[in-house]
Amino acid sequence: MRVLVAEDFEVLARSIGTGLRREGMAVDVVLDGADALDHLALTRYDVVVLDRDLPGVHGDDVCRRLVENGTESRVLMLTAASTVQDRVHGLDLGADDYLPKPFDFAELVARVRALGRRATPPVPPTLAYADIVLDPARRVVTRAGRRLDLSPKEFALLECLLAAPGIALSAEHLLERVWDEAADPFTTAVKHTMRRLRAKLGEPPVIHTIREGGYRIGDS
């Protein structure tokens, strides 16, 4: 899942970004509304965690432009204001959800995950191929009933592949969906992470390398 965090309080913004990355998400962080709009013009995000009181371009205006442009990104609006009227106004602007500050981080994660599921084509509660089962909500992967110890990036790679069985996904696509803007486009991160994932999945192999086409799980 690709997430944009737009929050002007840098300590909080970096903290949210770090926490969501630990949950296996690819996260970019910006500190003002203009930068948020620049990022949104270049990258498709599943979820935008949007502080309402951004400097430069106000969070309300960022939200309004997202709606006007017909983006598929889902918006979780954050604000220090907590009255019912404030929440209603934020939702009227087109925000998909609203979370007042201060908030519990576990609740933020749950709301981001819920919005992320709405930002993409519906998928089953669990993803499976052959004897591999991935549960996104519980962050658990098993093969033949045996639980696998995957890193967040390994989990996210497998989730991408299982969500598109039989479809070849390029390394560039996987880099964009699993990493973030800090990733070097010429990096071998996908290749190395895929190698570790394959080793943990064991035999028989289920992830196939497609010549000049990336990676695919299952048969075409």
N, C-alpha and C. Protein backbone atom coordinates (compact mmCIF):
# COMPACT_ATOMS: atom_id res chain seq x y z
N MET A 1 0.84 -1.19 0.00
CA MET A 1 0.00 0.00 0.00
C MET A 1 0.88 1.25 0.00
N ARG A 2 0.55 2.20 -0.86
CA ARG A 2 1.32 3.45 -0.95
C ARG A 2 0.55 4.56 -0.24
N VAL A 3 1.22 5.26 0.69
CA VAL A 3 0.57 6.26 1.53
C VAL A 3 1.35 7.57 1.47
N LEU A 4 0.62 8.67 1.39
CA LEU A 4 1.21 10.00 1.51
C LEU A 4 0.78 10.60 2.84
N VAL A 5 1.75 11.01 3.66
CA VAL A 5 1.46 11.69 4.92
C VAL A 5 1.76 13.17 4.73
N ALA A 6 0.73 14.02 4.86
CA ALA A 6 0.89 15.46 4.73
C ALA A 6 0.56 16.10 6.09
N GLU A 7 1.59 16.47 6.82
CA GLU A 7 1.45 16.97 8.19
C GLU A 7 2.56 17.98 8.45
N ASP A 8 2.21 19.19 8.90
CA ASP A 8 3.22 20.24 9.03
C ASP A 8 4.06 20.14 10.29
N PHE A 9 3.59 19.41 11.30
CA PHE A 9 4.40 19.22 12.51
C PHE A 9 5.37 18.08 12.22
N GLU A 10 6.63 18.45 11.94
CA GLU A 10 7.58 17.49 11.38
C GLU A 10 7.78 16.27 12.27
N VAL A 11 7.87 16.46 13.58
CA VAL A 11 8.09 15.33 14.47
C VAL A 11 6.95 14.31 14.34
N LEU A 12 5.72 14.81 14.32
CA LEU A 12 4.57 13.92 14.18
C LEU A 12 4.55 13.27 12.80
N ALA A 13 4.84 14.07 11.77
CA ALA A 13 4.84 13.54 10.40
C ALA A 13 5.84 12.41 10.25
N ARG A 14 7.08 12.61 10.75
CA ARG A 14 8.10 11.56 10.63
C ARG A 14 7.73 10.35 11.47
N SER A 15 7.10 10.58 12.61
CA SER A 15 6.70 9.48 13.47
C SER A 15 5.62 8.62 12.80
N ILE A 16 4.64 9.27 12.18
CA ILE A 16 3.60 8.53 11.47
C ILE A 16 4.22 7.74 10.32
N GLY A 17 5.11 8.39 9.57
CA GLY A 17 5.76 7.72 8.46
C GLY A 17 6.53 6.49 8.89
N THR A 18 7.31 6.63 9.96
CA THR A 18 8.09 5.51 10.46
C THR A 18 7.18 4.38 10.92
N GLY A 19 6.12 4.73 11.66
CA GLY A 19 5.21 3.71 12.16
C GLY A 19 4.50 2.97 11.05
N LEU A 20 4.05 3.67 10.02
CA LEU A 20 3.36 3.01 8.91
C LEU A 20 4.31 2.14 8.10
N ARG A 21 5.56 2.56 7.97
CA ARG A 21 6.54 1.72 7.27
C ARG A 21 6.76 0.41 8.03
N ARG A 22 6.76 0.48 9.35
CA ARG A 22 6.91 -0.75 10.14
C ARG A 22 5.73 -1.69 9.94
N GLU A 23 4.61 -1.13 9.49
CA GLU A 23 3.43 -1.94 9.19
C GLU A 23 3.44 -2.45 7.75
N GLY A 24 4.55 -2.23 7.07
CA GLY A 24 4.71 -2.76 5.72
C GLY A 24 4.22 -1.86 4.61
N MET A 25 3.94 -0.59 4.90
CA MET A 25 3.45 0.32 3.88
C MET A 25 4.60 1.14 3.29
N ALA A 26 4.41 1.57 2.05
CA ALA A 26 5.36 2.48 1.41
C ALA A 26 4.86 3.89 1.66
N VAL A 27 5.66 4.73 2.33
CA VAL A 27 5.17 6.01 2.82
C VAL A 27 6.08 7.15 2.38
N ASP A 28 5.45 8.20 1.82
CA ASP A 28 6.14 9.46 1.55
C ASP A 28 5.59 10.50 2.52
N VAL A 29 6.46 11.42 2.95
CA VAL A 29 6.07 12.43 3.95
C VAL A 29 6.33 13.82 3.38
N VAL A 30 5.33 14.70 3.48
CA VAL A 30 5.49 16.10 3.09
C VAL A 30 4.99 16.98 4.23
N LEU A 31 5.44 18.23 4.23
CA LEU A 31 5.15 19.11 5.36
C LEU A 31 4.27 20.31 5.00
N ASP A 32 3.84 20.42 3.74
CA ASP A 32 2.95 21.52 3.38
C ASP A 32 2.05 21.10 2.23
N GLY A 33 1.00 21.89 2.00
CA GLY A 33 0.00 21.54 1.02
C GLY A 33 0.48 21.57 -0.41
N ALA A 34 1.34 22.52 -0.74
CA ALA A 34 1.85 22.61 -2.11
C ALA A 34 2.67 21.37 -2.46
N ASP A 35 3.51 20.94 -1.53
CA ASP A 35 4.31 19.73 -1.76
C ASP A 35 3.40 18.51 -1.87
N ALA A 36 2.33 18.48 -1.09
CA ALA A 36 1.38 17.37 -1.18
C ALA A 36 0.78 17.29 -2.59
N LEU A 37 0.36 18.43 -3.13
CA LEU A 37 -0.23 18.44 -4.47
C LEU A 37 0.79 18.02 -5.53
N ASP A 38 2.05 18.44 -5.35
CA ASP A 38 3.10 18.03 -6.30
C ASP A 38 3.27 16.51 -6.29
N HIS A 39 3.28 15.92 -5.10
CA HIS A 39 3.43 14.46 -5.01
C HIS A 39 2.22 13.76 -5.61
N LEU A 40 1.03 14.27 -5.34
CA LEU A 40 -0.18 13.63 -5.83
C LEU A 40 -0.29 13.71 -7.35
N ALA A 41 0.35 14.71 -7.94
CA ALA A 41 0.34 14.83 -9.40
C ALA A 41 1.25 13.79 -10.07
N LEU A 42 2.20 13.26 -9.31
CA LEU A 42 3.19 12.34 -9.89
C LEU A 42 2.99 10.89 -9.51
N THR A 43 2.36 10.63 -8.36
CA THR A 43 2.30 9.28 -7.81
C THR A 43 0.87 8.93 -7.44
N ARG A 44 0.48 7.67 -7.71
CA ARG A 44 -0.83 7.21 -7.29
C ARG A 44 -0.73 6.66 -5.88
N TYR A 45 -1.38 7.32 -4.95
CA TYR A 45 -1.39 6.88 -3.56
C TYR A 45 -2.72 6.20 -3.25
N ASP A 46 -2.66 5.15 -2.46
CA ASP A 46 -3.89 4.50 -2.02
C ASP A 46 -4.59 5.35 -0.97
N VAL A 47 -3.79 5.90 -0.04
CA VAL A 47 -4.35 6.68 1.06
C VAL A 47 -3.51 7.94 1.27
N VAL A 48 -4.20 9.05 1.55
CA VAL A 48 -3.54 10.30 1.92
C VAL A 48 -3.94 10.62 3.36
N VAL A 49 -2.96 10.64 4.26
CA VAL A 49 -3.19 11.07 5.64
C VAL A 49 -2.94 12.57 5.64
N LEU A 50 -4.02 13.34 5.76
CA LEU A 50 -3.97 14.78 5.46
C LEU A 50 -4.31 15.62 6.68
N ASP A 51 -3.32 16.37 7.15
CA ASP A 51 -3.58 17.34 8.22
C ASP A 51 -4.41 18.48 7.64
N ARG A 52 -5.45 18.85 8.33
CA ARG A 52 -6.34 19.87 7.80
C ARG A 52 -5.70 21.26 7.77
N ASP A 53 -4.82 21.55 8.75
CA ASP A 53 -4.26 22.89 8.88
C ASP A 53 -2.86 22.99 8.29
N LEU A 54 -2.71 22.59 7.04
CA LEU A 54 -1.41 22.67 6.38
C LEU A 54 -1.09 24.10 5.97
N PRO A 55 0.19 24.47 6.03
CA PRO A 55 0.59 25.79 5.52
C PRO A 55 0.67 25.76 4.00
N GLY A 56 0.77 26.93 3.40
CA GLY A 56 0.86 27.03 1.95
C GLY A 56 -0.50 26.84 1.33
N VAL A 57 -0.80 25.62 0.93
CA VAL A 57 -2.14 25.26 0.46
C VAL A 57 -2.83 24.54 1.60
N HIS A 58 -3.94 25.07 2.06
CA HIS A 58 -4.66 24.52 3.21
C HIS A 58 -5.12 23.09 2.92
N GLY A 59 -5.17 22.28 3.97
CA GLY A 59 -5.61 20.90 3.81
C GLY A 59 -6.98 20.78 3.18
N ASP A 60 -7.87 21.71 3.51
CA ASP A 60 -9.20 21.70 2.89
C ASP A 60 -9.10 21.82 1.38
N ASP A 61 -8.20 22.69 0.91
CA ASP A 61 -8.04 22.89 -0.53
C ASP A 61 -7.39 21.69 -1.20
N VAL A 62 -6.46 21.05 -0.50
CA VAL A 62 -5.85 19.82 -1.04
C VAL A 62 -6.94 18.76 -1.22
N CYS A 63 -7.77 18.59 -0.21
CA CYS A 63 -8.84 17.61 -0.28
C CYS A 63 -9.81 17.95 -1.41
N ARG A 64 -10.16 19.21 -1.50
CA ARG A 64 -11.10 19.64 -2.54
C ARG A 64 -10.56 19.36 -3.94
N ARG A 65 -9.27 19.62 -4.15
CA ARG A 65 -8.68 19.38 -5.47
C ARG A 65 -8.61 17.89 -5.79
N LEU A 66 -8.36 17.07 -4.78
CA LEU A 66 -8.37 15.62 -5.00
C LEU A 66 -9.72 15.16 -5.51
N VAL A 67 -10.77 15.66 -4.87
CA VAL A 67 -12.13 15.29 -5.28
C VAL A 67 -12.43 15.80 -6.69
N GLU A 68 -12.05 17.03 -6.97
CA GLU A 68 -12.31 17.62 -8.29
C GLU A 68 -11.59 16.86 -9.40
N ASN A 69 -10.40 16.34 -9.08
CA ASN A 69 -9.62 15.62 -10.08
C ASN A 69 -10.05 14.16 -10.24
N GLY A 70 -11.00 13.73 -9.42
CA GLY A 70 -11.50 12.36 -9.52
C GLY A 70 -10.50 11.30 -9.13
N THR A 71 -9.58 11.64 -8.22
CA THR A 71 -8.56 10.67 -7.81
C THR A 71 -9.18 9.50 -7.07
N GLU A 72 -8.52 8.34 -7.16
CA GLU A 72 -8.97 7.17 -6.43
C GLU A 72 -8.36 7.11 -5.03
N SER A 73 -7.47 8.04 -4.72
CA SER A 73 -6.86 8.06 -3.39
C SER A 73 -7.92 8.34 -2.33
N ARG A 74 -7.82 7.62 -1.22
CA ARG A 74 -8.73 7.84 -0.10
C ARG A 74 -8.08 8.79 0.89
N VAL A 75 -8.87 9.66 1.50
CA VAL A 75 -8.34 10.71 2.36
C VAL A 75 -8.75 10.48 3.81
N LEU A 76 -7.74 10.40 4.67
CA LEU A 76 -7.97 10.38 6.12
C LEU A 76 -7.53 11.75 6.63
N MET A 77 -8.48 12.55 7.06
CA MET A 77 -8.17 13.92 7.49
C MET A 77 -7.87 13.95 8.99
N LEU A 78 -6.78 14.63 9.34
CA LEU A 78 -6.39 14.80 10.74
C LEU A 78 -6.58 16.26 11.13
N THR A 79 -7.01 16.49 12.35
CA THR A 79 -7.13 17.87 12.82
C THR A 79 -7.17 17.92 14.33
N ALA A 80 -6.71 19.05 14.87
CA ALA A 80 -6.77 19.25 16.31
C ALA A 80 -8.19 19.61 16.75
N ALA A 81 -9.03 20.07 15.81
CA ALA A 81 -10.42 20.39 16.13
C ALA A 81 -11.22 19.10 16.24
N SER A 82 -12.06 19.01 17.24
CA SER A 82 -12.74 17.73 17.47
C SER A 82 -14.26 17.85 17.59
N THR A 83 -14.82 19.01 17.24
CA THR A 83 -16.26 19.14 17.34
C THR A 83 -16.94 18.38 16.21
N VAL A 84 -18.21 18.04 16.41
CA VAL A 84 -18.97 17.35 15.39
C VAL A 84 -19.04 18.19 14.12
N GLN A 85 -19.20 19.50 14.28
CA GLN A 85 -19.29 20.40 13.13
C GLN A 85 -18.03 20.35 12.28
N ASP A 86 -16.86 20.29 12.95
CA ASP A 86 -15.59 20.19 12.22
C ASP A 86 -15.51 18.88 11.43
N ARG A 87 -15.93 17.80 12.08
CA ARG A 87 -15.87 16.50 11.41
C ARG A 87 -16.80 16.48 10.20
N VAL A 88 -18.00 17.01 10.37
CA VAL A 88 -18.96 17.04 9.28
C VAL A 88 -18.43 17.87 8.12
N HIS A 89 -17.82 19.01 8.43
CA HIS A 89 -17.28 19.87 7.37
C HIS A 89 -16.18 19.15 6.61
N GLY A 90 -15.30 18.45 7.33
CA GLY A 90 -14.23 17.71 6.68
C GLY A 90 -14.77 16.64 5.75
N LEU A 91 -15.79 15.94 6.17
CA LEU A 91 -16.39 14.90 5.33
C LEU A 91 -17.13 15.52 4.15
N ASP A 92 -17.74 16.67 4.36
CA ASP A 92 -18.42 17.37 3.26
C ASP A 92 -17.45 17.78 2.17
N LEU A 93 -16.21 18.04 2.54
CA LEU A 93 -15.20 18.42 1.56
C LEU A 93 -14.82 17.25 0.65
N GLY A 94 -15.11 16.04 1.11
CA GLY A 94 -14.78 14.86 0.33
C GLY A 94 -13.84 13.90 1.02
N ALA A 95 -13.45 14.21 2.26
CA ALA A 95 -12.61 13.27 3.02
C ALA A 95 -13.38 11.97 3.24
N ASP A 96 -12.67 10.85 3.24
CA ASP A 96 -13.31 9.55 3.44
C ASP A 96 -13.42 9.18 4.91
N ASP A 97 -12.54 9.74 5.72
CA ASP A 97 -12.57 9.46 7.15
C ASP A 97 -11.93 10.65 7.86
N TYR A 98 -12.11 10.68 9.16
CA TYR A 98 -11.73 11.86 9.95
C TYR A 98 -11.22 11.37 11.30
N LEU A 99 -10.03 11.83 11.70
CA LEU A 99 -9.45 11.39 12.97
C LEU A 99 -8.94 12.60 13.74
N PRO A 100 -9.54 12.91 14.90
CA PRO A 100 -9.08 14.07 15.68
C PRO A 100 -7.78 13.78 16.43
N LYS A 101 -6.98 14.81 16.60
CA LYS A 101 -5.76 14.71 17.41
C LYS A 101 -6.09 15.05 18.85
N PRO A 102 -5.41 14.43 19.81
CA PRO A 102 -4.45 13.33 19.64
C PRO A 102 -5.18 12.02 19.35
N PHE A 103 -4.49 11.09 18.72
CA PHE A 103 -5.11 9.83 18.35
C PHE A 103 -4.22 8.67 18.77
N ASP A 104 -4.80 7.51 18.85
CA ASP A 104 -4.05 6.29 19.15
C ASP A 104 -3.48 5.77 17.83
N PHE A 105 -2.19 5.45 17.80
CA PHE A 105 -1.57 5.05 16.54
C PHE A 105 -2.20 3.78 15.98
N ALA A 106 -2.58 2.85 16.84
CA ALA A 106 -3.21 1.61 16.37
C ALA A 106 -4.51 1.92 15.62
N GLU A 107 -5.24 2.93 16.09
CA GLU A 107 -6.47 3.32 15.39
C GLU A 107 -6.14 3.94 14.04
N LEU A 108 -5.09 4.76 13.98
CA LEU A 108 -4.68 5.34 12.71
C LEU A 108 -4.35 4.24 11.70
N VAL A 109 -3.59 3.24 12.14
CA VAL A 109 -3.22 2.14 11.25
C VAL A 109 -4.47 1.42 10.75
N ALA A 110 -5.40 1.13 11.66
CA ALA A 110 -6.61 0.42 11.27
C ALA A 110 -7.42 1.21 10.24
N ARG A 111 -7.50 2.52 10.45
CA ARG A 111 -8.26 3.35 9.51
C ARG A 111 -7.56 3.46 8.15
N VAL A 112 -6.23 3.55 8.17
CA VAL A 112 -5.49 3.60 6.90
C VAL A 112 -5.68 2.29 6.14
N ARG A 113 -5.59 1.17 6.83
CA ARG A 113 -5.78 -0.13 6.17
C ARG A 113 -7.19 -0.24 5.59
N ALA A 114 -8.18 0.19 6.35
CA ALA A 114 -9.56 0.12 5.87
C ALA A 114 -9.75 0.97 4.62
N LEU A 115 -9.19 2.17 4.62
CA LEU A 115 -9.29 3.04 3.45
C LEU A 115 -8.52 2.45 2.27
N GLY A 116 -7.36 1.84 2.56
CA GLY A 116 -6.57 1.23 1.49
C GLY A 116 -7.33 0.13 0.77
N ARG A 117 -8.12 -0.62 1.51
CA ARG A 117 -8.92 -1.67 0.88
C ARG A 117 -9.99 -1.08 -0.04
N ARG A 118 -10.45 0.12 0.27
CA ARG A 118 -11.46 0.77 -0.56
C ARG A 118 -10.86 1.46 -1.77
N ALA A 119 -9.55 1.70 -1.73
CA ALA A 119 -8.89 2.43 -2.82
C ALA A 119 -8.49 1.52 -3.97
N THR A 120 -8.57 0.22 -3.76
CA THR A 120 -8.15 -0.75 -4.78
C THR A 120 -9.31 -1.68 -5.08
N PRO A 121 -9.26 -2.41 -6.21
CA PRO A 121 -10.33 -3.37 -6.50
C PRO A 121 -10.50 -4.34 -5.33
N PRO A 122 -11.75 -4.73 -5.03
CA PRO A 122 -12.00 -5.62 -3.89
C PRO A 122 -11.21 -6.91 -3.99
N VAL A 123 -10.63 -7.32 -2.87
CA VAL A 123 -9.92 -8.59 -2.80
C VAL A 123 -10.50 -9.38 -1.64
N PRO A 124 -10.34 -10.70 -1.66
CA PRO A 124 -10.86 -11.52 -0.57
C PRO A 124 -10.20 -11.15 0.75
N PRO A 125 -10.84 -11.50 1.90
CA PRO A 125 -10.24 -11.23 3.21
C PRO A 125 -8.88 -11.89 3.37
N THR A 126 -8.71 -13.04 2.72
CA THR A 126 -7.40 -13.69 2.70
C THR A 126 -7.02 -13.95 1.25
N LEU A 127 -5.72 -13.93 0.97
CA LEU A 127 -5.21 -14.20 -0.37
C LEU A 127 -4.52 -15.55 -0.34
N ALA A 128 -4.72 -16.34 -1.38
CA ALA A 128 -4.15 -17.69 -1.37
C ALA A 128 -3.76 -18.13 -2.77
N TYR A 129 -2.74 -18.95 -2.81
CA TYR A 129 -2.36 -19.67 -4.04
C TYR A 129 -1.76 -20.99 -3.60
N ALA A 130 -2.27 -22.08 -4.18
CA ALA A 130 -1.82 -23.42 -3.79
C ALA A 130 -1.96 -23.56 -2.27
N ASP A 131 -0.85 -23.88 -1.57
CA ASP A 131 -0.93 -24.06 -0.12
C ASP A 131 -0.44 -22.84 0.65
N ILE A 132 -0.32 -21.68 -0.06
CA ILE A 132 0.10 -20.43 0.59
C ILE A 132 -1.13 -19.60 0.91
N VAL A 133 -1.23 -19.14 2.15
CA VAL A 133 -2.37 -18.31 2.57
C VAL A 133 -1.82 -17.06 3.25
N LEU A 134 -2.28 -15.90 2.81
CA LEU A 134 -1.86 -14.62 3.39
C LEU A 134 -3.09 -13.91 3.96
N ASP A 135 -3.01 -13.53 5.22
CA ASP A 135 -4.09 -12.81 5.90
C ASP A 135 -3.62 -11.38 6.12
N PRO A 136 -4.08 -10.41 5.30
CA PRO A 136 -3.61 -9.02 5.43
C PRO A 136 -3.94 -8.39 6.78
N ALA A 137 -5.12 -8.69 7.32
CA ALA A 137 -5.54 -8.07 8.57
C ALA A 137 -4.68 -8.53 9.74
N ARG A 138 -4.37 -9.81 9.79
CA ARG A 138 -3.58 -10.36 10.90
C ARG A 138 -2.09 -10.33 10.62
N ARG A 139 -1.71 -9.98 9.37
CA ARG A 139 -0.30 -9.93 8.97
C ARG A 139 0.36 -11.28 9.15
N VAL A 140 -0.33 -12.32 8.70
CA VAL A 140 0.15 -13.70 8.86
C VAL A 140 0.20 -14.38 7.50
N VAL A 141 1.29 -15.12 7.25
CA VAL A 141 1.42 -15.94 6.05
C VAL A 141 1.74 -17.36 6.48
N THR A 142 1.04 -18.33 5.88
CA THR A 142 1.35 -19.73 6.14
C THR A 142 1.54 -20.47 4.82
N ARG A 143 2.34 -21.52 4.88
CA ARG A 143 2.45 -22.43 3.74
C ARG A 143 2.29 -23.85 4.27
N ALA A 144 1.32 -24.55 3.73
CA ALA A 144 1.00 -25.91 4.19
C ALA A 144 0.76 -25.91 5.70
N GLY A 145 0.15 -24.82 6.20
CA GLY A 145 -0.18 -24.74 7.61
C GLY A 145 0.94 -24.24 8.49
N ARG A 146 2.14 -24.05 7.92
CA ARG A 146 3.29 -23.59 8.71
C ARG A 146 3.44 -22.08 8.57
N ARG A 147 3.50 -21.39 9.70
CA ARG A 147 3.62 -19.93 9.68
C ARG A 147 5.02 -19.52 9.25
N LEU A 148 5.07 -18.52 8.34
CA LEU A 148 6.34 -18.03 7.83
C LEU A 148 6.69 -16.70 8.47
N ASP A 149 7.96 -16.51 8.77
CA ASP A 149 8.45 -15.28 9.39
C ASP A 149 8.96 -14.36 8.30
N LEU A 150 8.09 -13.47 7.81
CA LEU A 150 8.45 -12.57 6.72
C LEU A 150 8.68 -11.16 7.25
N SER A 151 9.63 -10.47 6.63
CA SER A 151 9.84 -9.05 6.94
C SER A 151 8.69 -8.25 6.33
N PRO A 152 8.50 -6.99 6.75
CA PRO A 152 7.43 -6.18 6.16
C PRO A 152 7.52 -6.07 4.64
N LYS A 153 8.72 -5.92 4.09
CA LYS A 153 8.87 -5.80 2.64
C LYS A 153 8.56 -7.13 1.95
N GLU A 154 9.01 -8.23 2.53
CA GLU A 154 8.71 -9.55 1.97
C GLU A 154 7.21 -9.80 1.97
N PHE A 155 6.56 -9.43 3.07
CA PHE A 155 5.11 -9.60 3.18
C PHE A 155 4.41 -8.77 2.10
N ALA A 156 4.84 -7.51 1.94
CA ALA A 156 4.20 -6.62 0.97
C ALA A 156 4.40 -7.11 -0.46
N LEU A 157 5.58 -7.62 -0.78
CA LEU A 157 5.82 -8.17 -2.11
C LEU A 157 4.90 -9.35 -2.39
N LEU A 158 4.80 -10.27 -1.43
CA LEU A 158 3.94 -11.43 -1.60
C LEU A 158 2.48 -11.02 -1.74
N GLU A 159 2.07 -10.02 -0.95
CA GLU A 159 0.69 -9.54 -1.02
C GLU A 159 0.39 -8.99 -2.42
N CYS A 160 1.31 -8.21 -2.99
CA CYS A 160 1.12 -7.68 -4.34
C CYS A 160 0.96 -8.80 -5.36
N LEU A 161 1.81 -9.80 -5.26
CA LEU A 161 1.76 -10.91 -6.22
C LEU A 161 0.49 -11.73 -6.07
N LEU A 162 0.09 -12.01 -4.84
CA LEU A 162 -1.12 -12.82 -4.61
C LEU A 162 -2.38 -12.08 -5.03
N ALA A 163 -2.34 -10.74 -4.97
CA ALA A 163 -3.50 -9.95 -5.37
C ALA A 163 -3.67 -9.91 -6.89
N ALA A 164 -2.64 -10.37 -7.62
CA ALA A 164 -2.69 -10.36 -9.09
C ALA A 164 -2.19 -11.71 -9.61
N PRO A 165 -2.85 -12.82 -9.27
CA PRO A 165 -2.36 -14.14 -9.67
C PRO A 165 -2.32 -14.29 -11.19
N GLY A 166 -1.22 -14.86 -11.67
CA GLY A 166 -1.08 -15.08 -13.10
C GLY A 166 -0.66 -13.87 -13.89
N ILE A 167 -0.51 -12.73 -13.23
CA ILE A 167 -0.14 -11.48 -13.92
C ILE A 167 1.31 -11.13 -13.61
N ALA A 168 2.07 -10.81 -14.65
CA ALA A 168 3.46 -10.43 -14.45
C ALA A 168 3.53 -8.99 -13.96
N LEU A 169 4.18 -8.77 -12.83
CA LEU A 169 4.35 -7.44 -12.26
C LEU A 169 5.82 -7.04 -12.41
N SER A 170 6.04 -5.90 -13.00
CA SER A 170 7.41 -5.45 -13.24
C SER A 170 8.10 -5.07 -11.94
N ALA A 171 9.42 -5.09 -11.97
CA ALA A 171 10.19 -4.66 -10.80
C ALA A 171 9.89 -3.20 -10.49
N GLU A 172 9.67 -2.39 -11.52
CA GLU A 172 9.36 -0.97 -11.32
C GLU A 172 8.02 -0.81 -10.59
N HIS A 173 7.03 -1.61 -10.99
CA HIS A 173 5.72 -1.56 -10.32
C HIS A 173 5.85 -1.96 -8.86
N LEU A 174 6.58 -3.03 -8.60
CA LEU A 174 6.74 -3.50 -7.23
C LEU A 174 7.52 -2.49 -6.39
N LEU A 175 8.51 -1.85 -7.00
CA LEU A 175 9.28 -0.84 -6.28
C LEU A 175 8.38 0.32 -5.88
N GLU A 176 7.49 0.72 -6.77
CA GLU A 176 6.60 1.85 -6.49
C GLU A 176 5.57 1.50 -5.42
N ARG A 177 5.05 0.26 -5.43
CA ARG A 177 3.98 -0.11 -4.51
C ARG A 177 4.49 -0.51 -3.13
N VAL A 178 5.72 -1.00 -3.04
CA VAL A 178 6.22 -1.56 -1.78
C VAL A 178 7.23 -0.63 -1.10
N TRP A 179 7.99 0.12 -1.88
CA TRP A 179 8.96 1.05 -1.31
C TRP A 179 8.38 2.46 -1.35
N ASP A 180 9.20 3.49 -1.34
CA ASP A 180 8.69 4.85 -1.39
C ASP A 180 9.63 5.70 -2.24
N GLU A 181 9.43 7.03 -2.24
CA GLU A 181 10.18 7.89 -3.14
C GLU A 181 11.68 7.93 -2.82
N ALA A 182 12.05 7.50 -1.62
CA ALA A 182 13.46 7.48 -1.25
C ALA A 182 14.22 6.34 -1.93
N ALA A 183 13.48 5.38 -2.50
CA ALA A 183 14.13 4.23 -3.13
C ALA A 183 14.78 4.64 -4.45
N ASP A 184 15.99 4.22 -4.65
CA ASP A 184 16.71 4.47 -5.90
C ASP A 184 16.07 3.63 -7.00
N PRO A 185 15.61 4.24 -8.11
CA PRO A 185 14.96 3.47 -9.18
C PRO A 185 15.88 2.43 -9.80
N PHE A 186 17.18 2.55 -9.57
CA PHE A 186 18.13 1.59 -10.12
C PHE A 186 18.59 0.58 -9.07
N THR A 187 17.92 0.59 -7.93
CA THR A 187 18.30 -0.30 -6.86
C THR A 187 18.00 -1.76 -7.19
N THR A 188 18.67 -2.65 -6.50
CA THR A 188 18.39 -4.09 -6.64
C THR A 188 17.56 -4.58 -5.45
N ALA A 189 16.89 -3.65 -4.77
CA ALA A 189 16.11 -4.02 -3.58
C ALA A 189 15.05 -5.06 -3.90
N VAL A 190 14.34 -4.89 -5.02
CA VAL A 190 13.29 -5.86 -5.37
C VAL A 190 13.90 -7.24 -5.58
N LYS A 191 14.98 -7.29 -6.33
CA LYS A 191 15.63 -8.57 -6.62
C LYS A 191 16.10 -9.26 -5.35
N HIS A 192 16.75 -8.53 -4.46
CA HIS A 192 17.27 -9.13 -3.24
C HIS A 192 16.15 -9.54 -2.29
N THR A 193 15.12 -8.70 -2.18
CA THR A 193 14.00 -9.05 -1.31
C THR A 193 13.24 -10.25 -1.87
N MET A 194 13.10 -10.32 -3.18
CA MET A 194 12.44 -11.45 -3.81
C MET A 194 13.21 -12.73 -3.57
N ARG A 195 14.52 -12.65 -3.60
CA ARG A 195 15.34 -13.84 -3.34
C ARG A 195 15.10 -14.36 -1.93
N ARG A 196 15.05 -13.45 -0.95
CA ARG A 196 14.80 -13.88 0.43
C ARG A 196 13.39 -14.45 0.59
N LEU A 197 12.42 -13.83 -0.09
CA LEU A 197 11.05 -14.32 -0.02
C LEU A 197 10.94 -15.72 -0.58
N ARG A 198 11.55 -15.94 -1.72
CA ARG A 198 11.51 -17.27 -2.33
C ARG A 198 12.12 -18.32 -1.41
N ALA A 199 13.22 -17.95 -0.77
CA ALA A 199 13.88 -18.91 0.14
C ALA A 199 12.96 -19.27 1.31
N LYS A 200 12.24 -18.29 1.83
CA LYS A 200 11.36 -18.55 2.96
C LYS A 200 10.12 -19.34 2.54
N LEU A 201 9.66 -19.12 1.29
CA LEU A 201 8.50 -19.88 0.81
C LEU A 201 8.85 -21.34 0.57
N GLY A 202 10.09 -21.60 0.21
CA GLY A 202 10.53 -22.98 0.05
C GLY A 202 10.04 -23.62 -1.25
N GLU A 203 10.06 -24.95 -1.25
CA GLU A 203 9.71 -25.72 -2.45
C GLU A 203 8.29 -26.28 -2.35
N PRO A 204 7.65 -26.51 -3.49
CA PRO A 204 8.08 -26.14 -4.84
C PRO A 204 7.96 -24.63 -5.05
N PRO A 205 8.77 -24.06 -5.94
CA PRO A 205 8.72 -22.61 -6.16
C PRO A 205 7.39 -22.19 -6.77
N VAL A 206 6.88 -21.06 -6.36
CA VAL A 206 5.61 -20.55 -6.90
C VAL A 206 5.75 -19.18 -7.55
N ILE A 207 6.88 -18.48 -7.30
CA ILE A 207 7.11 -17.17 -7.91
C ILE A 207 8.04 -17.36 -9.11
N HIS A 208 7.59 -16.95 -10.26
CA HIS A 208 8.35 -17.14 -11.49
C HIS A 208 8.88 -15.80 -12.00
N THR A 209 10.11 -15.81 -12.47
CA THR A 209 10.70 -14.63 -13.09
C THR A 209 10.33 -14.63 -14.57
N ILE A 210 9.77 -13.53 -15.02
CA ILE A 210 9.35 -13.39 -16.42
C ILE A 210 10.39 -12.56 -17.15
N ARG A 211 10.93 -13.11 -18.21
CA ARG A 211 11.99 -12.42 -18.94
C ARG A 211 11.51 -11.04 -19.40
N GLU A 212 12.21 -10.00 -18.96
CA GLU A 212 11.90 -8.61 -19.27
C GLU A 212 10.49 -8.21 -18.84
N GLY A 213 9.88 -9.01 -17.94
CA GLY A 213 8.52 -8.71 -17.55
C GLY A 213 8.29 -8.66 -16.06
N GLY A 214 9.29 -9.04 -15.27
CA GLY A 214 9.14 -8.97 -13.82
C GLY A 214 8.90 -10.30 -13.17
N TYR A 215 7.87 -10.36 -12.31
CA TYR A 215 7.63 -11.56 -11.52
C TYR A 215 6.12 -11.89 -11.54
N ARG A 216 5.86 -13.20 -11.41
CA ARG A 216 4.47 -13.66 -11.43
C ARG A 216 4.32 -14.81 -10.47
N ILE A 217 3.20 -14.84 -9.77
CA ILE A 217 2.91 -15.99 -8.93
C ILE A 217 1.85 -16.83 -9.64
N GLY A 218 2.09 -18.11 -9.73
CA GLY A 218 1.15 -19.00 -10.40
C GLY A 218 1.35 -19.02 -11.90
N ASP A 219 0.51 -19.78 -12.56
CA ASP A 219 0.61 -19.94 -14.02
C ASP A 219 -0.11 -18.81 -14.72
N SER A 220 0.29 -18.54 -15.93
CA SER A 220 -0.37 -17.49 -16.72
C SER A 220 -1.66 -18.01 -17.32
